[in-house]
Protein backbone atom coordinates (compact mmCIF):
# COMPACT_ATOMS: atom_id res chain seq x y z
CA UNK A 1 29.79 21.72 -19.70
CA UNK A 2 27.51 18.68 -19.65
CA UNK A 3 23.91 19.23 -18.63
CA UNK A 4 22.82 17.73 -15.33
CA UNK A 5 19.69 15.70 -16.03
CA UNK A 6 17.89 13.93 -13.19
CA UNK A 7 15.65 10.90 -13.49
CA UNK A 8 12.51 10.94 -11.33
CA UNK A 9 10.98 7.44 -11.49
CA UNK A 10 7.70 6.23 -10.10
CA UNK A 11 4.44 4.50 -10.79
CA UNK A 12 2.50 7.80 -10.61
CA UNK A 13 -0.81 5.99 -10.16
CA UNK A 14 -1.98 8.77 -10.35
CA UNK A 15 0.35 11.76 -10.23
CA UNK A 16 -0.30 13.89 -7.14
CA UNK A 17 0.50 17.39 -5.94
CA UNK A 18 3.35 15.81 -3.97
CA UNK A 19 4.88 14.48 -7.18
CA UNK A 20 4.45 17.87 -8.85
CA UNK A 21 6.19 19.50 -5.88
CA UNK A 22 9.20 17.20 -6.32
CA UNK A 23 9.27 17.70 -10.11
CA UNK A 24 9.16 21.50 -9.77
CA UNK A 25 11.90 21.58 -7.17
CA UNK A 26 14.11 19.12 -9.06
CA UNK A 27 13.60 21.30 -12.15
CA UNK A 28 15.12 24.23 -10.25
CA UNK A 29 18.15 22.18 -9.18
CA UNK A 30 18.90 20.34 -12.44
CA UNK A 31 19.03 21.41 -16.08
CA UNK A 32 16.34 18.87 -16.88
CA UNK A 33 14.17 16.23 -15.28
CA UNK A 34 13.08 12.99 -16.90
CA UNK A 35 9.87 11.77 -15.30
CA UNK A 36 9.99 8.01 -15.78
CA UNK A 37 6.67 6.19 -15.46
CA UNK A 38 7.18 2.58 -14.40
CA UNK A 39 4.93 -0.05 -15.95
CA UNK A 40 4.78 -1.77 -12.54
CA UNK A 41 2.43 -4.57 -13.52
CA UNK A 42 3.29 -6.31 -10.22
CA UNK A 43 1.68 -3.39 -8.35
CA UNK A 44 -1.52 -3.76 -10.42
CA UNK A 45 -1.96 -0.03 -11.08
CA UNK A 46 -5.45 1.48 -11.16
CA UNK A 47 -4.63 3.38 -14.36
CA UNK A 48 -3.02 2.08 -17.53
CA UNK A 49 0.55 3.05 -18.34
CA UNK A 50 -0.71 5.14 -21.27
CA UNK A 51 -3.18 7.01 -19.07
CA UNK A 52 -0.64 7.62 -16.28
CA UNK A 53 1.78 9.07 -18.82
CA UNK A 54 -0.97 11.29 -20.28
CA UNK A 55 -1.94 12.51 -16.79
CA UNK A 56 1.67 13.56 -16.19
CA UNK A 57 1.80 15.32 -19.57
CA UNK A 58 -1.31 17.31 -18.65
CA UNK A 59 -0.11 18.06 -15.12
CA UNK A 60 3.27 19.32 -16.34
CA UNK A 61 2.17 21.07 -19.53
CA UNK A 62 3.60 24.40 -18.31
CA UNK A 63 6.98 22.98 -17.32
CA UNK A 64 9.85 23.71 -19.69
CA UNK A 65 12.67 21.39 -18.72
CA UNK A 66 11.04 18.00 -18.32
CA UNK A 67 10.66 14.94 -20.48
CA UNK A 68 8.25 12.07 -19.80
CA UNK A 69 9.12 8.47 -20.63
CA UNK A 70 7.75 5.09 -19.66
CA UNK A 71 9.83 2.04 -18.82
CA UNK A 72 9.73 -1.60 -17.78
CA UNK A 73 13.43 -2.24 -17.19
CA UNK A 74 15.79 -1.87 -14.28
CA UNK A 75 16.07 1.77 -13.28
CA UNK A 76 19.86 1.75 -13.68
CA UNK A 77 19.44 0.51 -17.25
CA UNK A 78 17.00 3.34 -17.98
CA UNK A 79 19.39 5.86 -16.42
CA UNK A 80 22.19 4.62 -18.66
CA UNK A 81 19.88 4.77 -21.70
CA UNK A 82 18.88 8.35 -20.80
CA UNK A 83 22.52 9.38 -20.28
CA UNK A 84 22.25 10.25 -16.60
CA UNK A 85 23.47 8.89 -13.29
CA UNK A 86 21.25 11.11 -11.12
CA UNK A 87 18.07 9.73 -9.59
CA UNK A 88 15.63 11.89 -7.61
CA UNK A 89 13.28 10.33 -5.08
CA UNK A 90 10.76 11.87 -2.72
CA UNK A 91 10.65 11.16 1.01
CA UNK A 92 7.52 11.80 3.07
CA UNK A 93 8.12 9.78 6.23
CA UNK A 94 10.54 7.47 8.00
CA UNK A 95 8.90 4.47 6.31
CA UNK A 96 9.71 6.03 2.91
CA UNK A 97 13.30 6.55 4.02
CA UNK A 98 13.85 2.88 4.88
CA UNK A 99 12.47 1.69 1.53
CA UNK A 100 14.24 4.38 -0.51
CA UNK A 101 17.55 3.77 1.24
CA UNK A 102 17.31 0.08 0.39
CA UNK A 103 16.46 0.88 -3.26
CA UNK A 104 19.25 3.45 -3.46
CA UNK A 105 21.79 0.91 -2.22
CA UNK A 106 20.44 -1.74 -4.61
CA UNK A 107 20.77 0.66 -7.56
CA UNK A 108 24.29 1.64 -6.47
CA UNK A 109 25.23 -2.06 -6.27
CA UNK A 110 24.12 -2.46 -9.89
CA UNK A 111 25.85 0.72 -11.06
CA UNK A 112 28.36 2.42 -8.72
CA UNK A 113 28.05 5.66 -10.72
CA UNK A 114 24.39 6.12 -9.74
CA UNK A 115 23.71 8.96 -7.30
CA UNK A 116 20.33 9.13 -5.57
CA UNK A 117 19.15 12.49 -4.27
CA UNK A 118 16.23 12.62 -1.86
CA UNK A 119 13.84 15.55 -1.70
CA UNK A 120 11.12 16.06 0.88
CA UNK A 121 7.86 17.52 -0.39
CA UNK A 122 6.73 20.81 1.07
CA UNK A 123 4.68 20.40 4.25
CA UNK A 124 1.21 20.76 2.64
CA UNK A 125 2.07 17.83 0.35
CA UNK A 126 3.84 15.64 2.90
CA UNK A 127 0.89 13.32 3.53
CA UNK A 128 -0.20 12.87 -0.09
CA UNK A 129 0.42 9.54 -1.76
CA UNK A 130 -1.04 7.90 -4.83
CA UNK A 131 -2.48 5.15 -2.63
CA UNK A 132 -4.34 7.75 -0.51
CA UNK A 133 -5.72 9.28 -3.71
CA UNK A 134 -6.78 5.86 -5.05
CA UNK A 135 -8.52 4.99 -1.78
CA UNK A 136 -10.46 8.25 -1.80
CA UNK A 137 -11.30 7.76 -5.50
CA UNK A 138 -12.59 4.23 -4.81
CA UNK A 139 -15.01 5.71 -2.27
CA UNK A 140 -16.10 8.60 -4.52
CA UNK A 141 -14.45 11.15 -2.24
CA UNK A 142 -13.06 14.60 -3.08
CA UNK A 143 -9.46 14.54 -4.32
CA UNK A 144 -9.38 18.03 -5.82
CA UNK A 145 -6.91 19.24 -3.17
CA UNK A 146 -4.56 16.28 -3.72
CA UNK A 147 -3.96 16.23 -7.48
CA UNK A 148 -3.30 18.84 -10.17
CA UNK A 149 -6.54 20.50 -11.32
CA UNK A 150 -5.70 19.73 -14.96
CA UNK A 151 -6.09 15.98 -14.45
CA UNK A 152 -9.31 15.95 -12.39
CA UNK A 153 -11.60 15.36 -15.39
CA UNK A 154 -9.65 12.21 -16.26
CA UNK A 155 -9.90 10.70 -12.79
CA UNK A 156 -13.67 10.37 -12.69
CA UNK A 157 -13.50 6.80 -13.91
CA UNK A 158 -15.59 7.60 -16.97
CA UNK A 159 -12.97 9.35 -19.08
CA UNK A 160 -10.49 7.46 -21.16
CA UNK A 161 -7.08 8.76 -22.16
CA UNK A 162 -8.16 8.47 -25.78
CA UNK A 163 -10.97 10.98 -25.20
CA UNK A 164 -8.47 13.81 -24.79
């Protein structure tokens, strides 16, 4: 029987407890989860691709069935390259649903074999987004309740991924 591997793409700028919630739950549903970090230069991320990938590695160090990759291609091309047709996306609010539905249809138009599965984060994580975390960070606020504890030292603006 072929393993069911899901692809969980995002910018993860930075990874949050909401992302971790989705990764953990997807890991219980599927045999494996590929966390795919998008380069997303158009979004002008706060953190470099290398640092975002390292933050995810630290945040998921105790997980056993995940793989972390970075990409700058169409998601359907990455899915094909990774040997999966399953995409996992998180939904927090109605506004997320409209955007994700549009992206899901776009991906299906490019590859009719693609299946997108939507997971809602648990209630305590429902309001958390990377943009909320970045805003709080930019104003030197406390984000310790929004991101995995293991990555906090790297979000102080002083640390570099190469210092690890």
